[in-house]
Amino acid sequence: MLKVGKSQNLGSLGWALLPGQILQQLDIWSKSNYQVFQKVTDHATTALLHYQLPQMPEVMVRSFMTWLRSYIKLFQAPCQRCGKFLQDGLPPTWRDFRTLEAFHDTCRQ
C-alpha cells in the first residue's frame, strides 16, 4: 500500500512508503523510470491538445478527465485490435479519444 504525506517543499515533492522499503522522497515532476508511465504521460499531453477548447474550458476539463479515467484499467484491458494484454512487455497505453478503447501504439493505426 502506498502512503503519501506532505513534504516541506510546497507540495512539489511527496513522500512515499512502499512495502519493504524505507521512507523516501519522490519528485513528482521528474520523468518516470517506467516506460509504461512515460507513454501514458506522452498520450496525456496529446489528449490535452486534442481536447483543447479555449472558449469552453469546462468541457475541455470534463472531456480530458473522462479520457484520463479510462486508464483505471491500464493493466487489465486488452488491446481492441490484437486482443493481447502485453506487446513488447507493455500494456495497451493508447486510448481512443472518442471511444476510449485501449490500443497498443503499433495497433492504433
C-alpha atoms as a PDB file:
ATOM      1  CA  MET A   1       0.000   0.000   0.000  1.00  0.00           C
ATOM      2  CA  LEU A   2       1.259   3.461  -0.867  1.00  0.00           C
ATOM      3  CA  LYS A   3       1.214   6.079   1.860  1.00  0.00           C
ATOM      4  CA  VAL A   4       1.735   9.658   0.780  1.00  0.00           C
ATOM      5  CA  GLY A   5       2.349  12.559   3.099  1.00  0.00           C
ATOM      6  CA  LYS A   6       3.145  16.239   2.790  1.00  0.00           C
ATOM      7  CA  SER A   7       6.670  17.433   2.199  1.00  0.00           C
ATOM      8  CA  GLN A   8       8.425  20.597   3.261  1.00  0.00           C
ATOM      9  CA  ASN A   9       8.830  21.860  -0.322  1.00  0.00           C
ATOM     10  CA  LEU A  10       5.426  23.491  -1.061  1.00  0.00           C
ATOM     11  CA  GLY A  11       3.887  20.287  -2.373  1.00  0.00           C
ATOM     12  CA  SER A  12       6.275  19.785  -5.273  1.00  0.00           C
ATOM     13  CA  LEU A  13       7.738  16.696  -3.633  1.00  0.00           C
ATOM     14  CA  GLY A  14       5.911  13.874  -1.909  1.00  0.00           C
ATOM     15  CA  TRP A  15       6.884  11.163   0.498  1.00  0.00           C
ATOM     16  CA  ALA A  16       6.139   7.546  -0.248  1.00  0.00           C
ATOM     17  CA  LEU A  17       6.403   4.426   1.835  1.00  0.00           C
ATOM     18  CA  LEU A  18       6.405   1.267  -0.227  1.00  0.00           C
ATOM     19  CA  PRO A  19       6.273  -2.233   1.272  1.00  0.00           C
ATOM     20  CA  GLY A  20       9.734  -3.400   2.242  1.00  0.00           C
ATOM     21  CA  GLN A  21      11.321  -0.004   1.677  1.00  0.00           C
ATOM     22  CA  ILE A  22      12.336   2.900   3.833  1.00  0.00           C
ATOM     23  CA  LEU A  23      10.621   6.265   3.585  1.00  0.00           C
ATOM     24  CA  GLN A  24      11.929   8.058   0.513  1.00  0.00           C
ATOM     25  CA  GLN A  25      11.235  11.333  -1.212  1.00  0.00           C
ATOM     26  CA  LEU A  26       9.601  11.275  -4.656  1.00  0.00           C
ATOM     27  CA  ASP A  27       9.979  14.055  -7.176  1.00  0.00           C
ATOM     28  CA  ILE A  28       6.596  14.144  -8.910  1.00  0.00           C
ATOM     29  CA  TRP A  29       7.934  16.370 -11.696  1.00  0.00           C
ATOM     30  CA  SER A  30      10.703  14.023 -12.846  1.00  0.00           C
ATOM     31  CA  LYS A  31      10.347  11.598 -15.727  1.00  0.00           C
ATOM     32  CA  SER A  32       9.198   8.165 -14.592  1.00  0.00           C
ATOM     33  CA  ASN A  33      11.644   5.268 -14.566  1.00  0.00           C
ATOM     34  CA  TYR A  34       8.945   3.075 -16.110  1.00  0.00           C
ATOM     35  CA  GLN A  35       8.318   3.107 -19.861  1.00  0.00           C
ATOM     36  CA  VAL A  36       4.593   2.441 -19.420  1.00  0.00           C
ATOM     37  CA  PHE A  37       4.113   5.666 -17.432  1.00  0.00           C
ATOM     38  CA  GLN A  38       6.327   7.638 -19.825  1.00  0.00           C
ATOM     39  CA  LYS A  39       3.985   6.556 -22.645  1.00  0.00           C
ATOM     40  CA  VAL A  40       0.873   7.464 -20.636  1.00  0.00           C
ATOM     41  CA  THR A  41       2.377  10.905 -19.979  1.00  0.00           C
ATOM     42  CA  ASP A  42       3.047  11.396 -23.701  1.00  0.00           C
ATOM     43  CA  HIS A  43      -0.504  10.307 -24.554  1.00  0.00           C
ATOM     44  CA  ALA A  44      -1.932  12.661 -21.904  1.00  0.00           C
ATOM     45  CA  THR A  45      -0.064  15.572 -23.484  1.00  0.00           C
ATOM     46  CA  THR A  46      -1.561  14.632 -26.848  1.00  0.00           C
ATOM     47  CA  ALA A  47      -5.015  14.359 -25.285  1.00  0.00           C
ATOM     48  CA  LEU A  48      -4.742  17.835 -23.755  1.00  0.00           C
ATOM     49  CA  LEU A  49      -4.009  19.232 -27.206  1.00  0.00           C
ATOM     50  CA  HIS A  50      -6.865  17.214 -28.721  1.00  0.00           C
ATOM     51  CA  TYR A  51      -9.459  18.342 -26.163  1.00  0.00           C
ATOM     52  CA  GLN A  52      -8.331  21.985 -26.117  1.00  0.00           C
ATOM     53  CA  LEU A  53     -11.367  24.279 -26.320  1.00  0.00           C
ATOM     54  CA  PRO A  54     -10.376  27.766 -25.101  1.00  0.00           C
ATOM     55  CA  GLN A  55     -13.941  29.083 -25.403  1.00  0.00           C
ATOM     56  CA  MET A  56     -15.354  26.182 -23.318  1.00  0.00           C
ATOM     57  CA  PRO A  57     -12.820  25.296 -20.596  1.00  0.00           C
ATOM     58  CA  GLU A  58     -15.324  23.308 -18.534  1.00  0.00           C
ATOM     59  CA  VAL A  59     -15.990  20.979 -21.498  1.00  0.00           C
ATOM     60  CA  MET A  60     -12.269  20.581 -22.040  1.00  0.00           C
ATOM     61  CA  VAL A  61     -11.637  19.622 -18.415  1.00  0.00           C
ATOM     62  CA  ARG A  62     -14.581  17.212 -18.325  1.00  0.00           C
ATOM     63  CA  SER A  63     -13.543  15.571 -21.606  1.00  0.00           C
ATOM     64  CA  PHE A  64      -9.927  15.217 -20.550  1.00  0.00           C
ATOM     65  CA  MET A  65     -10.831  13.815 -17.133  1.00  0.00           C
ATOM     66  CA  THR A  66     -13.190  11.284 -18.740  1.00  0.00           C
ATOM     67  CA  TRP A  67     -10.374  10.254 -21.088  1.00  0.00           C
ATOM     68  CA  LEU A  68      -7.901  10.033 -18.197  1.00  0.00           C
ATOM     69  CA  ARG A  69     -10.331   7.897 -16.184  1.00  0.00           C
ATOM     70  CA  SER A  70     -10.201   5.299 -18.974  1.00  0.00           C
ATOM     71  CA  TYR A  71      -6.726   4.407 -17.660  1.00  0.00           C
ATOM     72  CA  ILE A  72      -8.245   2.959 -14.484  1.00  0.00           C
ATOM     73  CA  LYS A  73      -7.882  -0.477 -16.085  1.00  0.00           C
ATOM     74  CA  LEU A  74      -4.478   0.160 -17.655  1.00  0.00           C
ATOM     75  CA  PHE A  75      -3.151  -3.264 -16.680  1.00  0.00           C
ATOM     76  CA  GLN A  76      -6.467  -5.133 -17.118  1.00  0.00           C
ATOM     77  CA  ALA A  77      -7.787  -4.093 -20.536  1.00  0.00           C
ATOM     78  CA  PRO A  78      -6.655  -5.983 -23.658  1.00  0.00           C
ATOM     79  CA  CYS A  79      -5.868  -4.221 -26.926  1.00  0.00           C
ATOM     80  CA  GLN A  80      -9.009  -3.814 -29.016  1.00  0.00           C
ATOM     81  CA  ARG A  81      -7.160  -4.662 -32.226  1.00  0.00           C
ATOM     82  CA  CYS A  82      -4.892  -7.622 -31.374  1.00  0.00           C
ATOM     83  CA  GLY A  83      -6.636  -8.787 -28.189  1.00  0.00           C
ATOM     84  CA  LYS A  84      -3.343  -9.118 -26.272  1.00  0.00           C
ATOM     85  CA  PHE A  85      -2.685  -7.725 -22.815  1.00  0.00           C
ATOM     86  CA  LEU A  86       1.029  -7.176 -23.463  1.00  0.00           C
ATOM     87  CA  GLN A  87       3.029  -6.316 -26.549  1.00  0.00           C
ATOM     88  CA  ASP A  88       6.785  -5.802 -26.197  1.00  0.00           C
ATOM     89  CA  GLY A  89       6.258  -6.058 -22.441  1.00  0.00           C
ATOM     90  CA  LEU A  90       3.796  -3.146 -22.303  1.00  0.00           C
ATOM     91  CA  PRO A  91       0.024  -2.987 -21.858  1.00  0.00           C
ATOM     92  CA  PRO A  92      -2.082  -1.052 -24.381  1.00  0.00           C
ATOM     93  CA  THR A  93      -1.304   2.544 -23.382  1.00  0.00           C
ATOM     94  CA  TRP A  94      -3.198   4.426 -26.100  1.00  0.00           C
ATOM     95  CA  ARG A  95      -6.853   5.358 -25.519  1.00  0.00           C
ATOM     96  CA  ASP A  96      -9.006   6.416 -28.451  1.00  0.00           C
ATOM     97  CA  PHE A  97     -10.279   9.972 -27.929  1.00  0.00           C
ATOM     98  CA  ARG A  98     -13.874   9.164 -28.928  1.00  0.00           C
ATOM     99  CA  THR A  99     -14.453   5.556 -27.850  1.00  0.00           C
ATOM    100  CA  LEU A 100     -11.841   5.376 -25.035  1.00  0.00           C
ATOM    101  CA  GLU A 101     -10.876   1.897 -26.262  1.00  0.00           C
ATOM    102  CA  ALA A 102      -7.397   0.612 -25.399  1.00  0.00           C
ATOM    103  CA  PHE A 103      -4.767   0.009 -28.086  1.00  0.00           C
ATOM    104  CA  HIS A 104      -1.057  -0.719 -28.247  1.00  0.00           C
ATOM    105  CA  ASP A 105       0.893   2.016 -30.034  1.00  0.00           C
ATOM    106  CA  THR A 106       1.505  -0.235 -33.053  1.00  0.00           C
ATOM    107  CA  CYS A 107      -2.129  -1.398 -33.190  1.00  0.00           C
ATOM    108  CA  ARG A 108      -3.807   2.021 -33.164  1.00  0.00           C
ATOM    109  CA  GLN A 109      -3.024   2.882 -36.809  1.00  0.00           C
END
